[in-house]
Every structure is written in structure tokens, then in C-alpha cells.
PDB file of N, CA and C in Angstrom:
ATOM      1  N   UNK A   1      25.085 133.370  39.873  1.00  0.00           N
ATOM      2  CA  UNK A   1      24.755 134.564  39.105  1.00  0.00           C
ATOM      3  C   UNK A   1      23.388 134.392  38.469  1.00  0.00           C
ATOM      4  N   UNK A   2      22.703 135.502  38.369  1.00  0.00           N
ATOM      5  CA  UNK A   2      21.388 135.451  37.756  1.00  0.00           C
ATOM      6  C   UNK A   2      21.510 135.581  36.241  1.00  0.00           C
ATOM      7  N   UNK A   3      20.490 135.181  35.549  1.00  0.00           N
ATOM      8  CA  UNK A   3      20.493 135.204  34.085  1.00  0.00           C
ATOM      9  C   UNK A   3      20.694 136.616  33.523  1.00  0.00           C
ATOM     10  N   UNK A   4      20.019 137.652  34.041  1.00  0.00           N
ATOM     11  CA  UNK A   4      20.238 138.996  33.502  1.00  0.00           C
ATOM     12  C   UNK A   4      21.688 139.472  33.651  1.00  0.00           C
ATOM     13  N   UNK A   5      22.342 139.095  34.744  1.00  0.00           N
ATOM     14  CA  UNK A   5      23.747 139.486  34.942  1.00  0.00           C
ATOM     15  C   UNK A   5      24.638 138.797  33.911  1.00  0.00           C
ATOM     16  N   UNK A   6      24.364 137.547  33.637  1.00  0.00           N
ATOM     17  CA  UNK A   6      25.156 136.801  32.663  1.00  0.00           C
ATOM     18  C   UNK A   6      24.988 137.419  31.275  1.00  0.00           C
ATOM     19  N   UNK A   7      23.752 137.760  30.923  1.00  0.00           N
ATOM     20  CA  UNK A   7      23.482 138.387  29.625  1.00  0.00           C
ATOM     21  C   UNK A   7      24.189 139.737  29.553  1.00  0.00           C
ATOM     22  N   UNK A   8      24.115 140.524  30.612  1.00  0.00           N
ATOM     23  CA  UNK A   8      24.771 141.830  30.633  1.00  0.00           C
ATOM     24  C   UNK A   8      26.278 141.684  30.449  1.00  0.00           C
ATOM     25  N   UNK A   9      26.897 140.780  31.134  1.00  0.00           N
ATOM     26  CA  UNK A   9      28.347 140.580  31.031  1.00  0.00           C
ATOM     27  C   UNK A   9      28.717 140.086  29.633  1.00  0.00           C
ATOM     28  N   UNK A  10      27.926 139.184  29.063  1.00  0.00           N
ATOM     29  CA  UNK A  10      28.211 138.674  27.722  1.00  0.00           C
ATOM     30  C   UNK A  10      28.130 139.790  26.691  1.00  0.00           C
ATOM     31  N   UNK A  11      27.089 140.617  26.776  1.00  0.00           N
ATOM     32  CA  UNK A  11      26.941 141.731  25.835  1.00  0.00           C
ATOM     33  C   UNK A  11      28.085 142.723  26.014  1.00  0.00           C
ATOM     34  N   UNK A  12      28.445 142.989  27.243  1.00  0.00           N
ATOM     35  CA  UNK A  12      29.531 143.938  27.536  1.00  0.00           C
ATOM     36  C   UNK A  12      30.858 143.442  26.964  1.00  0.00           C
ATOM     37  N   UNK A  13      31.145 142.164  27.136  1.00  0.00           N
ATOM     38  CA  UNK A  13      32.389 141.600  26.617  1.00  0.00           C
ATOM     39  C   UNK A  13      32.402 141.590  25.090  1.00  0.00           C
ATOM     40  N   UNK A  14      31.293 141.237  24.472  1.00  0.00           N
ATOM     41  CA  UNK A  14      31.224 141.196  23.014  1.00  0.00           C
ATOM     42  C   UNK A  14      31.305 142.579  22.399  1.00  0.00           C
ATOM     43  N   UNK A  15      30.714 143.568  23.045  1.00  0.00           N
ATOM     44  CA  UNK A  15      30.769 144.925  22.494  1.00  0.00           C
ATOM     45  C   UNK A  15      32.189 145.464  22.527  1.00  0.00           C
ATOM     46  N   UNK A  16      32.970 145.095  23.505  1.00  0.00           N
ATOM     47  CA  UNK A  16      34.362 145.530  23.570  1.00  0.00           C
ATOM     48  C   UNK A  16      35.203 144.915  22.471  1.00  0.00           C
ATOM     49  N   UNK A  17      34.965 143.670  22.149  1.00  0.00           N
ATOM     50  CA  UNK A  17      35.748 143.027  21.095  1.00  0.00           C
ATOM     51  C   UNK A  17      35.396 143.579  19.721  1.00  0.00           C
ATOM     52  N   UNK A  18      34.158 143.975  19.526  1.00  0.00           N
ATOM     53  CA  UNK A  18      33.752 144.567  18.249  1.00  0.00           C
ATOM     54  C   UNK A  18      34.396 145.939  18.086  1.00  0.00           C
ATOM     55  N   UNK A  19      34.464 146.695  19.149  1.00  0.00           N
ATOM     56  CA  UNK A  19      35.055 148.033  19.095  1.00  0.00           C
ATOM     57  C   UNK A  19      36.522 147.964  18.728  1.00  0.00           C
ATOM     58  N   UNK A  20      37.257 147.036  19.303  1.00  0.00           N
ATOM     59  CA  UNK A  20      38.679 146.928  19.015  1.00  0.00           C
ATOM     60  C   UNK A  20      38.944 146.333  17.636  1.00  0.00           C
ATOM     61  N   UNK A  21      37.953 145.667  17.059  1.00  0.00           N
ATOM     62  CA  UNK A  21      38.119 145.062  15.750  1.00  0.00           C
ATOM     63  C   UNK A  21      37.988 146.048  14.601  1.00  0.00           C
ATOM     64  N   UNK A  22      37.494 147.246  14.883  1.00  0.00           N
ATOM     65  CA  UNK A  22      37.303 148.222  13.822  1.00  0.00           C
ATOM     66  C   UNK A  22      38.640 148.859  13.455  1.00  0.00           C
ATOM     67  N   UNK A  23      38.826 149.107  12.181  1.00  0.00           N
ATOM     68  CA  UNK A  23      40.045 149.767  11.722  1.00  0.00           C
ATOM     69  C   UNK A  23      39.675 150.976  10.887  1.00  0.00           C
ATOM     70  N   UNK A  24      40.558 151.939  10.848  1.00  0.00           N
ATOM     71  CA  UNK A  24      40.331 153.143  10.044  1.00  0.00           C
ATOM     72  C   UNK A  24      40.754 152.862   8.610  1.00  0.00           C
ATOM     73  N   UNK A  25      39.970 153.366   7.676  1.00  0.00           N
ATOM     74  CA  UNK A  25      40.316 153.201   6.276  1.00  0.00           C
ATOM     75  C   UNK A  25      41.248 154.326   5.862  1.00  0.00           C
ATOM     76  N   UNK A  26      42.327 153.955   5.197  1.00  0.00           N
ATOM     77  CA  UNK A  26      43.279 154.952   4.731  1.00  0.00           C
ATOM     78  C   UNK A  26      42.925 155.312   3.289  1.00  0.00           C
ATOM     79  N   UNK A  27      42.696 156.594   3.051  1.00  0.00           N
ATOM     80  CA  UNK A  27      42.363 157.032   1.705  1.00  0.00           C
ATOM     81  C   UNK A  27      43.658 157.280   0.943  1.00  0.00           C
ATOM     82  N   UNK A  28      43.723 156.744  -0.252  1.00  0.00           N
ATOM     83  CA  UNK A  28      44.916 156.893  -1.076  1.00  0.00           C
ATOM     84  C   UNK A  28      44.534 157.452  -2.439  1.00  0.00           C
ATOM     85  N   UNK A  29      45.508 158.014  -3.092  1.00  0.00           N
ATOM     86  CA  UNK A  29      45.310 158.543  -4.429  1.00  0.00           C
ATOM     87  C   UNK A  29      45.950 157.567  -5.419  1.00  0.00           C
ATOM     88  N   UNK A  30      45.138 157.024  -6.302  1.00  0.00           N
ATOM     89  CA  UNK A  30      45.648 156.088  -7.297  1.00  0.00           C
ATOM     90  C   UNK A  30      46.157 156.859  -8.510  1.00  0.00           C
ATOM     91  N   UNK A  31      46.862 156.174  -9.380  1.00  0.00           N
ATOM     92  CA  UNK A  31      47.356 156.793 -10.607  1.00  0.00           C
ATOM     93  C   UNK A  31      46.191 157.275 -11.461  1.00  0.00           C
ATOM     94  N   UNK A  32      45.145 156.466 -11.546  1.00  0.00           N
ATOM     95  CA  UNK A  32      43.965 156.851 -12.322  1.00  0.00           C
ATOM     96  C   UNK A  32      43.327 158.114 -11.740  1.00  0.00           C
ATOM     97  N   UNK A  33      43.225 158.180 -10.431  1.00  0.00           N
ATOM     98  CA  UNK A  33      42.664 159.359  -9.783  1.00  0.00           C
ATOM     99  C   UNK A  33      43.507 160.597 -10.014  1.00  0.00           C
ATOM    100  N   UNK A  34      44.826 160.449  -9.960  1.00  0.00           N
ATOM    101  CA  UNK A  34      45.723 161.582 -10.194  1.00  0.00           C
ATOM    102  C   UNK A  34      45.600 162.076 -11.634  1.00  0.00           C
ATOM    103  N   UNK A  35      45.493 161.159 -12.577  1.00  0.00           N
ATOM    104  CA  UNK A  35      45.343 161.559 -13.975  1.00  0.00           C
ATOM    105  C   UNK A  35      44.025 162.298 -14.202  1.00  0.00           C
ATOM    106  N   UNK A  36      42.971 161.886 -13.504  1.00  0.00           N
ATOM    107  CA  UNK A  36      41.680 162.579 -13.620  1.00  0.00           C
ATOM    108  C   UNK A  36      41.766 163.991 -13.054  1.00  0.00           C
ATOM    109  N   UNK A  37      42.482 164.153 -11.953  1.00  0.00           N
ATOM    110  CA  UNK A  37      42.637 165.477 -11.350  1.00  0.00           C
ATOM    111  C   UNK A  37      43.422 166.391 -12.284  1.00  0.00           C
ATOM    112  N   UNK A  38      44.491 165.867 -12.879  1.00  0.00           N
ATOM    113  CA  UNK A  38      45.309 166.665 -13.800  1.00  0.00           C
ATOM    114  C   UNK A  38      44.485 167.067 -15.027  1.00  0.00           C
ATOM    115  N   UNK A  39      43.694 166.145 -15.561  1.00  0.00           N
ATOM    116  CA  UNK A  39      42.862 166.456 -16.725  1.00  0.00           C
ATOM    117  C   UNK A  39      41.842 167.539 -16.393  1.00  0.00           C
ATOM    118  N   UNK A  40      41.270 167.470 -15.210  1.00  0.00           N
ATOM    119  CA  UNK A  40      40.303 168.489 -14.800  1.00  0.00           C
ATOM    120  C   UNK A  40      40.986 169.840 -14.622  1.00  0.00           C
ATOM    121  N   UNK A  41      42.192 169.844 -14.067  1.00  0.00           N
ATOM    122  CA  UNK A  41      42.929 171.099 -13.886  1.00  0.00           C
ATOM    123  C   UNK A  41      43.300 171.709 -15.231  1.00  0.00           C
ATOM    124  N   UNK A  42      43.702 170.864 -16.181  1.00  0.00           N
ATOM    125  CA  UNK A  42      44.036 171.361 -17.518  1.00  0.00           C
ATOM    126  C   UNK A  42      42.808 171.966 -18.196  1.00  0.00           C
ATOM    127  N   UNK A  43      41.674 171.299 -18.067  1.00  0.00           N
ATOM    128  CA  UNK A  43      40.438 171.800 -18.673  1.00  0.00           C
ATOM    129  C   UNK A  43      40.028 173.138 -18.053  1.00  0.00           C
ATOM    130  N   UNK A  44      40.167 173.260 -16.751  1.00  0.00           N
ATOM    131  CA  UNK A  44      39.813 174.509 -16.085  1.00  0.00           C
ATOM    132  C   UNK A  44      40.775 175.622 -16.496  1.00  0.00           C
ATOM    133  N   UNK A  45      42.060 175.315 -16.642  1.00  0.00           N
ATOM    134  CA  UNK A  45      43.041 176.316 -17.067  1.00  0.00           C
ATOM    135  C   UNK A  45      42.736 176.789 -18.489  1.00  0.00           C
ATOM    136  N   UNK A  46      42.339 175.876 -19.363  1.00  0.00           N
ATOM    137  CA  UNK A  46      41.987 176.268 -20.727  1.00  0.00           C
ATOM    138  C   UNK A  46      40.706 177.104 -20.736  1.00  0.00           C
ATOM    139  N   UNK A  47      39.770 176.758 -19.876  1.00  0.00           N
ATOM    140  CA  UNK A  47      38.519 177.500 -19.786  1.00  0.00           C
ATOM    141  C   UNK A  47      38.771 178.940 -19.330  1.00  0.00           C
ATOM    142  N   UNK A  48      39.694 179.110 -18.397  1.00  0.00           N
ATOM    143  CA  UNK A  48      40.000 180.441 -17.869  1.00  0.00           C
ATOM    144  C   UNK A  48      41.080 181.158 -18.701  1.00  0.00           C
ATOM    145  N   UNK A  49      41.599 180.459 -19.719  1.00  0.00           N
ATOM    146  CA  UNK A  49      42.682 180.993 -20.556  1.00  0.00           C
ATOM    147  C   UNK A  49      43.863 181.451 -19.686  1.00  0.00           C
ATOM    148  N   UNK A  50      44.219 180.562 -18.789  1.00  0.00           N
ATOM    149  CA  UNK A  50      45.294 180.825 -17.847  1.00  0.00           C
ATOM    150  C   UNK A  50      46.625 180.891 -18.576  1.00  0.00           C
ATOM    151  N   UNK A  51      47.390 181.987 -18.411  1.00  0.00           N
ATOM    152  CA  UNK A  51      48.653 182.102 -19.135  1.00  0.00           C
ATOM    153  C   UNK A  51      49.696 181.073 -18.673  1.00  0.00           C
ATOM    154  N   UNK A  52      49.632 180.667 -17.418  1.00  0.00           N
ATOM    155  CA  UNK A  52      50.617 179.709 -16.890  1.00  0.00           C
ATOM    156  C   UNK A  52      50.209 178.277 -17.108  1.00  0.00           C
ATOM    157  N   UNK A  53      48.954 178.056 -17.420  1.00  0.00           N
ATOM    158  CA  UNK A  53      48.463 176.685 -17.605  1.00  0.00           C
ATOM    159  C   UNK A  53      48.475 175.931 -16.295  1.00  0.00           C
ATOM    160  N   UNK A  54      48.722 174.645 -16.383  1.00  0.00           N
ATOM    161  CA  UNK A  54      48.758 173.785 -15.219  1.00  0.00           C
ATOM    162  C   UNK A  54      50.169 173.271 -15.054  1.00  0.00           C
ATOM    163  N   UNK A  55      50.694 173.369 -13.872  1.00  0.00           N
ATOM    164  CA  UNK A  55      52.038 172.854 -13.606  1.00  0.00           C
ATOM    165  C   UNK A  55      51.884 171.479 -13.015  1.00  0.00           C
ATOM    166  N   UNK A  56      51.913 170.467 -13.835  1.00  0.00           N
ATOM    167  CA  UNK A  56      51.784 169.087 -13.385  1.00  0.00           C
ATOM    168  C   UNK A  56      52.203 168.154 -14.506  1.00  0.00           C
ATOM    169  N   UNK A  57      52.570 166.955 -14.115  1.00  0.00           N
ATOM    170  CA  UNK A  57      52.903 165.861 -15.011  1.00  0.00           C
ATOM    171  C   UNK A  57      54.109 166.089 -15.841  1.00  0.00           C
TER     172      UNK A  57
END
């Protein structure tokens, strides 16, 4: 085998292993994040003088 073929095969094999090594990040809602969302919803309801307020917590 010639040197360029060896380099091509090595790069091809390494690129495949990198692709399979990637994982998707799962986005989650933490307790702190949920409390911030509820506080923002309460503030917006008070700003709009919403008769029902916020149904949460």
C-alpha cells in the first residue's frame, strides 16, 4: 500500500470513531429553574393584574 492510501484509511477510521463517540445532551429542568419560572409567571400575572393569578406550586 502506498503512503497516501494508508493516511486516507487511518483518517477514515478515526473519523468514524469520533462520530460514534458523540452523545446528545439531555436538557432538564432543575428545581432552581422551576422556581425561577414560577417567580417570573407570578410577577407577570401581578403586572397584568390577572384575576386568576398563576396556577402553580
